[in-house]
C-alpha atoms as a PDB file:
ATOM      1  CA  UNK A   1      54.213  94.794 -52.603  1.00  0.00           C
ATOM      2  CA  UNK A   2      57.659  93.698 -51.395  1.00  0.00           C
ATOM      3  CA  UNK A   3      57.013  90.174 -52.628  1.00  0.00           C
ATOM      4  CA  UNK A   4      56.070  91.476 -56.022  1.00  0.00           C
ATOM      5  CA  UNK A   5      59.161  93.671 -56.221  1.00  0.00           C
ATOM      6  CA  UNK A   6      61.407  90.832 -55.047  1.00  0.00           C
ATOM      7  CA  UNK A   7      59.953  88.427 -57.582  1.00  0.00           C
ATOM      8  CA  UNK A   8      60.386  90.985 -60.371  1.00  0.00           C
ATOM      9  CA  UNK A   9      64.000  91.620 -59.406  1.00  0.00           C
ATOM     10  CA  UNK A  10      64.763  87.902 -59.217  1.00  0.00           C
ATOM     11  CA  UNK A  11      63.142  87.341 -62.595  1.00  0.00           C
ATOM     12  CA  UNK A  12      65.138  90.124 -64.226  1.00  0.00           C
ATOM     13  CA  UNK A  13      68.352  88.837 -62.632  1.00  0.00           C
ATOM     14  CA  UNK A  14      67.662  85.382 -64.015  1.00  0.00           C
ATOM     15  CA  UNK A  15      67.073  86.741 -67.527  1.00  0.00           C
ATOM     16  CA  UNK A  16      70.304  88.766 -67.375  1.00  0.00           C
ATOM     17  CA  UNK A  17      72.337  85.785 -66.150  1.00  0.00           C
ATOM     18  CA  UNK A  18      70.871  83.556 -68.897  1.00  0.00           C
ATOM     19  CA  UNK A  19      71.715  86.139 -71.559  1.00  0.00           C
ATOM     20  CA  UNK A  20      75.273  86.479 -70.277  1.00  0.00           C
ATOM     21  CA  UNK A  21      75.793  82.721 -70.181  1.00  0.00           C
ATOM     22  CA  UNK A  22      74.405  82.406 -73.699  1.00  0.00           C
ATOM     23  CA  UNK A  23      76.788  85.030 -74.988  1.00  0.00           C
ATOM     24  CA  UNK A  24      79.704  83.265 -73.314  1.00  0.00           C
ATOM     25  CA  UNK A  25      78.690  79.905 -74.736  1.00  0.00           C
ATOM     26  CA  UNK A  26      78.062  80.776 -78.357  1.00  0.00           C
ATOM     27  CA  UNK A  27      81.418  82.137 -79.433  1.00  0.00           C
ATOM     28  CA  UNK A  28      83.800  81.742 -76.520  1.00  0.00           C
ATOM     29  CA  UNK A  29      85.944  79.189 -78.379  1.00  0.00           C
ATOM     30  CA  UNK A  30      86.059  81.062 -81.693  1.00  0.00           C
ATOM     31  CA  UNK A  31      89.529  82.512 -81.176  1.00  0.00           C
ATOM     32  CA  UNK A  32      90.951  79.146 -80.134  1.00  0.00           C
ATOM     33  CA  UNK A  33      89.253  77.413 -83.069  1.00  0.00           C
ATOM     34  CA  UNK A  34      90.540  80.033 -85.503  1.00  0.00           C
ATOM     35  CA  UNK A  35      94.108  79.565 -84.300  1.00  0.00           C
ATOM     36  CA  UNK A  36      93.970  75.789 -84.530  1.00  0.00           C
ATOM     37  CA  UNK A  37      92.295  75.782 -87.947  1.00  0.00           C
ATOM     38  CA  UNK A  38      94.867  78.249 -89.285  1.00  0.00           C
ATOM     39  CA  UNK A  39      97.651  75.937 -88.104  1.00  0.00           C
ATOM     40  CA  UNK A  40      95.991  72.997 -89.805  1.00  0.00           C
ATOM     41  CA  UNK A  41      95.625  74.791 -93.126  1.00  0.00           C
ATOM     42  CA  UNK A  42      99.217  76.017 -92.992  1.00  0.00           C
ATOM     43  CA  UNK A  43     100.539  72.514 -92.322  1.00  0.00           C
ATOM     44  CA  UNK A  44      99.977  71.290 -95.914  1.00  0.00           C
ATOM     45  CA  UNK A  45     100.986  72.925 -99.185  1.00  0.00           C
ATOM     46  CA  UNK A  46      97.818  71.576-100.818  1.00  0.00           C
ATOM     47  CA  UNK A  47      95.764  73.829 -98.506  1.00  0.00           C
ATOM     48  CA  UNK A  48      97.847  76.972 -99.065  1.00  0.00           C
ATOM     49  CA  UNK A  49      95.061  78.591-101.100  1.00  0.00           C
ATOM     50  CA  UNK A  50      92.403  78.019 -98.435  1.00  0.00           C
ATOM     51  CA  UNK A  51      91.445  80.496 -95.708  1.00  0.00           C
ATOM     52  CA  UNK A  52      89.049  80.120 -92.798  1.00  0.00           C
ATOM     53  CA  UNK A  53      86.796  82.257 -90.620  1.00  0.00           C
ATOM     54  CA  UNK A  54      85.002  81.208 -87.434  1.00  0.00           C
ATOM     55  CA  UNK A  55      81.666  82.347 -86.048  1.00  0.00           C
ATOM     56  CA  UNK A  56      79.871  80.662 -83.129  1.00  0.00           C
ATOM     57  CA  UNK A  57      81.912  77.504 -83.598  1.00  0.00           C
ATOM     58  CA  UNK A  58      81.087  77.276 -87.310  1.00  0.00           C
ATOM     59  CA  UNK A  59      84.131  77.376 -89.601  1.00  0.00           C
ATOM     60  CA  UNK A  60      83.739  78.708 -93.142  1.00  0.00           C
ATOM     61  CA  UNK A  61      86.401  77.655 -95.634  1.00  0.00           C
ATOM     62  CA  UNK A  62      87.059  79.769 -98.719  1.00  0.00           C
ATOM     63  CA  UNK A  63      89.681  80.067-101.405  1.00  0.00           C
ATOM     64  CA  UNK A  64      90.904  77.523-103.939  1.00  0.00           C
ATOM     65  CA  UNK A  65      92.288  73.987-104.102  1.00  0.00           C
ATOM     66  CA  UNK A  66      93.922  72.160-106.996  1.00  0.00           C
ATOM     67  CA  UNK A  67      91.881  68.966-106.604  1.00  0.00           C
ATOM     68  CA  UNK A  68      88.480  68.095-105.186  1.00  0.00           C
ATOM     69  CA  UNK A  69      90.095  65.657-102.756  1.00  0.00           C
ATOM     70  CA  UNK A  70      92.125  68.542-101.269  1.00  0.00           C
ATOM     71  CA  UNK A  71      88.921  70.508-100.671  1.00  0.00           C
ATOM     72  CA  UNK A  72      87.249  67.494 -99.057  1.00  0.00           C
ATOM     73  CA  UNK A  73      90.252  66.606 -96.893  1.00  0.00           C
ATOM     74  CA  UNK A  74      90.546  70.168 -95.605  1.00  0.00           C
ATOM     75  CA  UNK A  75      86.931  70.152 -94.414  1.00  0.00           C
ATOM     76  CA  UNK A  76      87.320  66.740 -92.788  1.00  0.00           C
ATOM     77  CA  UNK A  77      90.471  67.784 -90.954  1.00  0.00           C
ATOM     78  CA  UNK A  78      88.959  71.055 -89.736  1.00  0.00           C
ATOM     79  CA  UNK A  79      85.787  69.318 -88.580  1.00  0.00           C
ATOM     80  CA  UNK A  80      87.874  67.125 -86.246  1.00  0.00           C
ATOM     81  CA  UNK A  81      89.285  70.092 -84.342  1.00  0.00           C
ATOM     82  CA  UNK A  82      88.116  70.608 -80.762  1.00  0.00           C
ATOM     83  CA  UNK A  83      84.989  72.738 -80.269  1.00  0.00           C
ATOM     84  CA  UNK A  84      84.227  72.976 -84.001  1.00  0.00           C
ATOM     85  CA  UNK A  85      80.459  72.741 -84.384  1.00  0.00           C
ATOM     86  CA  UNK A  86      80.354  72.520 -88.184  1.00  0.00           C
ATOM     87  CA  UNK A  87      82.123  73.394 -91.436  1.00  0.00           C
ATOM     88  CA  UNK A  88      80.858  75.343 -94.438  1.00  0.00           C
ATOM     89  CA  UNK A  89      83.016  74.355 -97.396  1.00  0.00           C
ATOM     90  CA  UNK A  90      82.962  77.162 -99.983  1.00  0.00           C
ATOM     91  CA  UNK A  91      86.341  76.305-101.515  1.00  0.00           C
ATOM     92  CA  UNK A  92      86.522  76.389-105.331  1.00  0.00           C
ATOM     93  CA  UNK A  93      88.458  73.747-107.261  1.00  0.00           C
ATOM     94  CA  UNK A  94      90.915  75.125-109.803  1.00  0.00           C
ATOM     95  CA  UNK A  95      91.004  74.211-113.485  1.00  0.00           C
ATOM     96  CA  UNK A  96      88.321  73.785-116.121  1.00  0.00           C
ATOM     97  CA  UNK A  97      87.994  70.702-118.320  1.00  0.00           C
ATOM     98  CA  UNK A  98      85.215  70.356-120.932  1.00  0.00           C
ATOM     99  CA  UNK A  99      82.493  68.090-119.549  1.00  0.00           C
ATOM    100  CA  UNK A 100      82.644  65.565-122.388  1.00  0.00           C
ATOM    101  CA  UNK A 101      86.413  65.289-122.147  1.00  0.00           C
ATOM    102  CA  UNK A 102      86.274  64.900-118.366  1.00  0.00           C
ATOM    103  CA  UNK A 103      83.569  62.249-118.605  1.00  0.00           C
ATOM    104  CA  UNK A 104      85.584  60.213-121.098  1.00  0.00           C
ATOM    105  CA  UNK A 105      88.724  60.517-118.976  1.00  0.00           C
ATOM    106  CA  UNK A 106      86.893  59.264-115.897  1.00  0.00           C
ATOM    107  CA  UNK A 107      85.173  56.454-117.815  1.00  0.00           C
ATOM    108  CA  UNK A 108      88.545  55.208-119.059  1.00  0.00           C
ATOM    109  CA  UNK A 109      89.944  55.194-115.522  1.00  0.00           C
ATOM    110  CA  UNK A 110      86.943  53.495-113.948  1.00  0.00           C
ATOM    111  CA  UNK A 111      86.758  50.867-116.664  1.00  0.00           C
ATOM    112  CA  UNK A 112      90.052  49.365-115.483  1.00  0.00           C
ATOM    113  CA  UNK A 113      89.719  50.146-111.784  1.00  0.00           C
ATOM    114  CA  UNK A 114      90.553  47.217-109.460  1.00  0.00           C
ATOM    115  CA  UNK A 115      91.437  44.756-112.206  1.00  0.00           C
ATOM    116  CA  UNK A 116      91.747  41.367-110.528  1.00  0.00           C
ATOM    117  CA  UNK A 117      89.162  42.175-107.847  1.00  0.00           C
ATOM    118  CA  UNK A 118      86.036  41.078-109.683  1.00  0.00           C
ATOM    119  CA  UNK A 119      85.392  44.236-111.703  1.00  0.00           C
ATOM    120  CA  UNK A 120      83.047  42.256-113.943  1.00  0.00           C
ATOM    121  CA  UNK A 121      80.631  42.415-111.006  1.00  0.00           C
ATOM    122  CA  UNK A 122      80.531  46.233-110.897  1.00  0.00           C
ATOM    123  CA  UNK A 123      78.616  48.486-113.294  1.00  0.00           C
ATOM    124  CA  UNK A 124      78.905  52.266-113.046  1.00  0.00           C
ATOM    125  CA  UNK A 125      77.622  55.138-115.157  1.00  0.00           C
ATOM    126  CA  UNK A 126      78.778  58.761-115.257  1.00  0.00           C
ATOM    127  CA  UNK A 127      77.300  62.146-116.003  1.00  0.00           C
ATOM    128  CA  UNK A 128      79.278  65.396-115.918  1.00  0.00           C
ATOM    129  CA  UNK A 129      77.743  68.856-115.880  1.00  0.00           C
ATOM    130  CA  UNK A 130      79.820  71.982-115.266  1.00  0.00           C
ATOM    131  CA  UNK A 131      82.520  69.853-113.697  1.00  0.00           C
ATOM    132  CA  UNK A 132      80.129  68.196-111.230  1.00  0.00           C
ATOM    133  CA  UNK A 133      80.292  64.419-111.608  1.00  0.00           C
ATOM    134  CA  UNK A 134      77.303  62.237-110.830  1.00  0.00           C
ATOM    135  CA  UNK A 135      78.231  58.576-110.537  1.00  0.00           C
ATOM    136  CA  UNK A 136      75.588  55.865-110.237  1.00  0.00           C
ATOM    137  CA  UNK A 137      75.271  52.122-110.573  1.00  0.00           C
ATOM    138  CA  UNK A 138      75.949  48.982-108.560  1.00  0.00           C
ATOM    139  CA  UNK A 139      79.125  47.593-107.035  1.00  0.00           C
ATOM    140  CA  UNK A 140      79.776  44.363-105.185  1.00  0.00           C
ATOM    141  CA  UNK A 141      81.418  45.871-102.085  1.00  0.00           C
ATOM    142  CA  UNK A 142      82.479  49.068-100.336  1.00  0.00           C
ATOM    143  CA  UNK A 143      86.148  48.898-101.439  1.00  0.00           C
ATOM    144  CA  UNK A 144      84.903  49.100-105.050  1.00  0.00           C
ATOM    145  CA  UNK A 145      82.755  52.124-104.210  1.00  0.00           C
ATOM    146  CA  UNK A 146      85.545  53.876-102.301  1.00  0.00           C
ATOM    147  CA  UNK A 147      88.040  53.221-105.090  1.00  0.00           C
ATOM    148  CA  UNK A 148      85.720  54.704-107.714  1.00  0.00           C
ATOM    149  CA  UNK A 149      85.099  57.820-105.616  1.00  0.00           C
ATOM    150  CA  UNK A 150      88.819  58.202-104.998  1.00  0.00           C
ATOM    151  CA  UNK A 151      89.516  58.173-108.736  1.00  0.00           C
ATOM    152  CA  UNK A 152      86.901  60.864-109.313  1.00  0.00           C
ATOM    153  CA  UNK A 153      88.025  63.063-106.416  1.00  0.00           C
ATOM    154  CA  UNK A 154      91.683  62.987-107.521  1.00  0.00           C
ATOM    155  CA  UNK A 155      91.059  63.771-111.196  1.00  0.00           C
ATOM    156  CA  UNK A 156      91.857  67.311-112.335  1.00  0.00           C
ATOM    157  CA  UNK A 157      88.842  69.339-113.398  1.00  0.00           C
ATOM    158  CA  UNK A 158      86.313  67.645-111.101  1.00  0.00           C
ATOM    159  CA  UNK A 159      84.509  70.351-109.117  1.00  0.00           C
ATOM    160  CA  UNK A 160      82.266  68.127-107.022  1.00  0.00           C
ATOM    161  CA  UNK A 161      80.867  64.602-106.958  1.00  0.00           C
ATOM    162  CA  UNK A 162      77.360  63.274-106.369  1.00  0.00           C
ATOM    163  CA  UNK A 163      77.575  59.715-105.072  1.00  0.00           C
ATOM    164  CA  UNK A 164      74.617  57.584-106.144  1.00  0.00           C
ATOM    165  CA  UNK A 165      76.517  54.290-106.035  1.00  0.00           C
ATOM    166  CA  UNK A 166      74.564  51.352-104.640  1.00  0.00           C
ATOM    167  CA  UNK A 167      76.626  48.821-102.682  1.00  0.00           C
ATOM    168  CA  UNK A 168      74.990  45.438-103.108  1.00  0.00           C
ATOM    169  CA  UNK A 169      74.115  43.448 -99.967  1.00  0.00           C
ATOM    170  CA  UNK A 170      76.487  40.737 -98.799  1.00  0.00           C
ATOM    171  CA  UNK A 171      75.169  37.354 -99.907  1.00  0.00           C
ATOM    172  CA  UNK A 172      77.019  34.017-100.269  1.00  0.00           C
ATOM    173  CA  UNK A 173      74.268  32.858-102.625  1.00  0.00           C
ATOM    174  CA  UNK A 174      74.685  35.924-104.849  1.00  0.00           C
ATOM    175  CA  UNK A 175      78.472  35.441-104.833  1.00  0.00           C
ATOM    176  CA  UNK A 176      77.991  31.888-106.042  1.00  0.00           C
ATOM    177  CA  UNK A 177      75.613  33.065-108.774  1.00  0.00           C
ATOM    178  CA  UNK A 178      78.093  35.730-109.881  1.00  0.00           C
ATOM    179  CA  UNK A 179      80.829  33.177-110.421  1.00  0.00           C
ATOM    180  CA  UNK A 180      78.536  30.705-112.156  1.00  0.00           C
ATOM    181  CA  UNK A 181      77.095  33.338-114.502  1.00  0.00           C
ATOM    182  CA  UNK A 182      80.583  34.615-115.324  1.00  0.00           C
ATOM    183  CA  UNK A 183      81.718  31.085-116.165  1.00  0.00           C
ATOM    184  CA  UNK A 184      78.609  30.451-118.225  1.00  0.00           C
ATOM    185  CA  UNK A 185      79.056  33.646-120.242  1.00  0.00           C
ATOM    186  CA  UNK A 186      82.820  33.806-120.679  1.00  0.00           C
ATOM    187  CA  UNK A 187      83.119  30.039-121.014  1.00  0.00           C
ATOM    188  CA  UNK A 188      80.827  30.065-124.028  1.00  0.00           C
ATOM    189  CA  UNK A 189      82.709  29.712-127.319  1.00  0.00           C
ATOM    190  CA  UNK A 190      80.864  32.607-128.940  1.00  0.00           C
ATOM    191  CA  UNK A 191      81.537  34.939-126.009  1.00  0.00           C
ATOM    192  CA  UNK A 192      84.972  33.833-124.792  1.00  0.00           C
ATOM    193  CA  UNK A 193      86.706  36.631-126.730  1.00  0.00           C
ATOM    194  CA  UNK A 194      85.134  39.181-124.372  1.00  0.00           C
ATOM    195  CA  UNK A 195      87.346  37.822-121.591  1.00  0.00           C
ATOM    196  CA  UNK A 196      90.512  38.988-123.397  1.00  0.00           C
ATOM    197  CA  UNK A 197      90.082  42.548-122.131  1.00  0.00           C
ATOM    198  CA  UNK A 198      90.515  42.781-118.327  1.00  0.00           C
ATOM    199  CA  UNK A 199      87.837  45.475-118.306  1.00  0.00           C
ATOM    200  CA  UNK A 200      85.330  42.781-119.362  1.00  0.00           C
ATOM    201  CA  UNK A 201      82.645  44.588-121.375  1.00  0.00           C
ATOM    202  CA  UNK A 202      79.918  42.294-120.028  1.00  0.00           C
ATOM    203  CA  UNK A 203      79.170  43.374-116.463  1.00  0.00           C
ATOM    204  CA  UNK A 204      77.210  41.009-114.225  1.00  0.00           C
ATOM    205  CA  UNK A 205      75.152  42.513-111.398  1.00  0.00           C
ATOM    206  CA  UNK A 206      73.455  40.119-108.992  1.00  0.00           C
ATOM    207  CA  UNK A 207      71.066  41.117-106.211  1.00  0.00           C
ATOM    208  CA  UNK A 208      68.988  38.555-104.322  1.00  0.00           C
ATOM    209  CA  UNK A 209      69.240  36.094-107.190  1.00  0.00           C
ATOM    210  CA  UNK A 210      68.231  38.620-109.859  1.00  0.00           C
ATOM    211  CA  UNK A 211      70.803  39.167-112.609  1.00  0.00           C
ATOM    212  CA  UNK A 212      71.279  42.293-114.715  1.00  0.00           C
ATOM    213  CA  UNK A 213      73.727  42.381-117.613  1.00  0.00           C
ATOM    214  CA  UNK A 214      75.438  45.637-118.627  1.00  0.00           C
ATOM    215  CA  UNK A 215      78.037  46.568-121.212  1.00  0.00           C
ATOM    216  CA  UNK A 216      78.653  46.543-124.943  1.00  0.00           C
ATOM    217  CA  UNK A 217      78.729  43.529-127.278  1.00  0.00           C
ATOM    218  CA  UNK A 218      79.452  43.206-130.991  1.00  0.00           C
ATOM    219  CA  UNK A 219      76.109  41.862-132.177  1.00  0.00           C
ATOM    220  CA  UNK A 220      72.503  41.168-131.293  1.00  0.00           C
ATOM    221  CA  UNK A 221      73.312  37.463-131.348  1.00  0.00           C
ATOM    222  CA  UNK A 222      75.987  37.911-128.658  1.00  0.00           C
ATOM    223  CA  UNK A 223      73.500  39.823-126.545  1.00  0.00           C
ATOM    224  CA  UNK A 224      70.960  36.999-126.814  1.00  0.00           C
ATOM    225  CA  UNK A 225      73.543  34.285-126.100  1.00  0.00           C
ATOM    226  CA  UNK A 226      74.722  36.107-122.971  1.00  0.00           C
ATOM    227  CA  UNK A 227      71.176  36.268-121.649  1.00  0.00           C
ATOM    228  CA  UNK A 228      70.551  32.604-122.431  1.00  0.00           C
ATOM    229  CA  UNK A 229      73.744  31.606-120.637  1.00  0.00           C
ATOM    230  CA  UNK A 230      72.818  33.648-117.580  1.00  0.00           C
ATOM    231  CA  UNK A 231      69.354  32.102-117.445  1.00  0.00           C
ATOM    232  CA  UNK A 232      70.867  28.620-117.510  1.00  0.00           C
ATOM    233  CA  UNK A 233      72.535  29.092-114.121  1.00  0.00           C
ATOM    234  CA  UNK A 234      70.757  27.425-111.148  1.00  0.00           C
ATOM    235  CA  UNK A 235      69.129  29.721-108.553  1.00  0.00           C
ATOM    236  CA  UNK A 236      68.892  32.658-110.968  1.00  0.00           C
ATOM    237  CA  UNK A 237      65.386  34.069-110.481  1.00  0.00           C
ATOM    238  CA  UNK A 238      65.401  36.526-113.373  1.00  0.00           C
ATOM    239  CA  UNK A 239      67.679  38.127-115.967  1.00  0.00           C
ATOM    240  CA  UNK A 240      67.410  41.720-117.185  1.00  0.00           C
ATOM    241  CA  UNK A 241      69.455  42.202-120.330  1.00  0.00           C
ATOM    242  CA  UNK A 242      70.763  45.776-120.618  1.00  0.00           C
ATOM    243  CA  UNK A 243      73.614  44.904-122.949  1.00  0.00           C
ATOM    244  CA  UNK A 244      74.022  47.332-125.825  1.00  0.00           C
ATOM    245  CA  UNK A 245      75.087  46.359-129.339  1.00  0.00           C
ATOM    246  CA  UNK A 246      78.150  48.332-130.502  1.00  0.00           C
ATOM    247  CA  UNK A 247      77.223  51.344-132.600  1.00  0.00           C
ATOM    248  CA  UNK A 248      73.786  51.691-131.074  1.00  0.00           C
ATOM    249  CA  UNK A 249      74.865  53.652-127.958  1.00  0.00           C
ATOM    250  CA  UNK A 250      77.782  55.490-126.445  1.00  0.00           C
ATOM    251  CA  UNK A 251      77.262  53.729-123.102  1.00  0.00           C
ATOM    252  CA  UNK A 252      80.544  52.531-121.666  1.00  0.00           C
END
């Protein structure tokens, strides 16, 4: 009987100790986290409208921010604090811009983004719904992707962004094809005028030797010539012509 009683007592002691340790571990840093997070949010004027609460190491951010980038930066900064286990970002972005107006504003900015860095080799599309921007398409490298997202995040009226941008794989062969296709298209007498605008309405996407053309041209003939020129380049496996004739679509 003594053995049974001793075992029962030891078992109950173990359960009690485990429960106490669990209680100590779950929220023992909450006060410290709360103090540090409060200091962080008070250190920048752009976070003055944001408040935080802490529970079991999870920080919940609430309030308002002027720009989406301010909301994102606040969460990133808080997440780096010691003992923080996660961040729930419930901050609202101030300002309301009609979706169509916001989409056009962003399209105009992105069209001329990174002029001089091969923007003819990037093709992005936008959709805006209730201030949430979905951006998709293909870009040549990560700096192009990051630059596009930065433009969106720092534009007034953007509530959130869904990043569906595909960064194309690094390929010396594809880089060579890009340059050759660009020369073939913009070097053609009938198409040379499209090179006058640094935004270059004919976008050239190359992935593993497969070429896709995007953008807007003045006529069906220009669309056909561009495809023919692209197909004439050595090592091009296929060409998908998604060029749109002006007046037939609102695609940028």
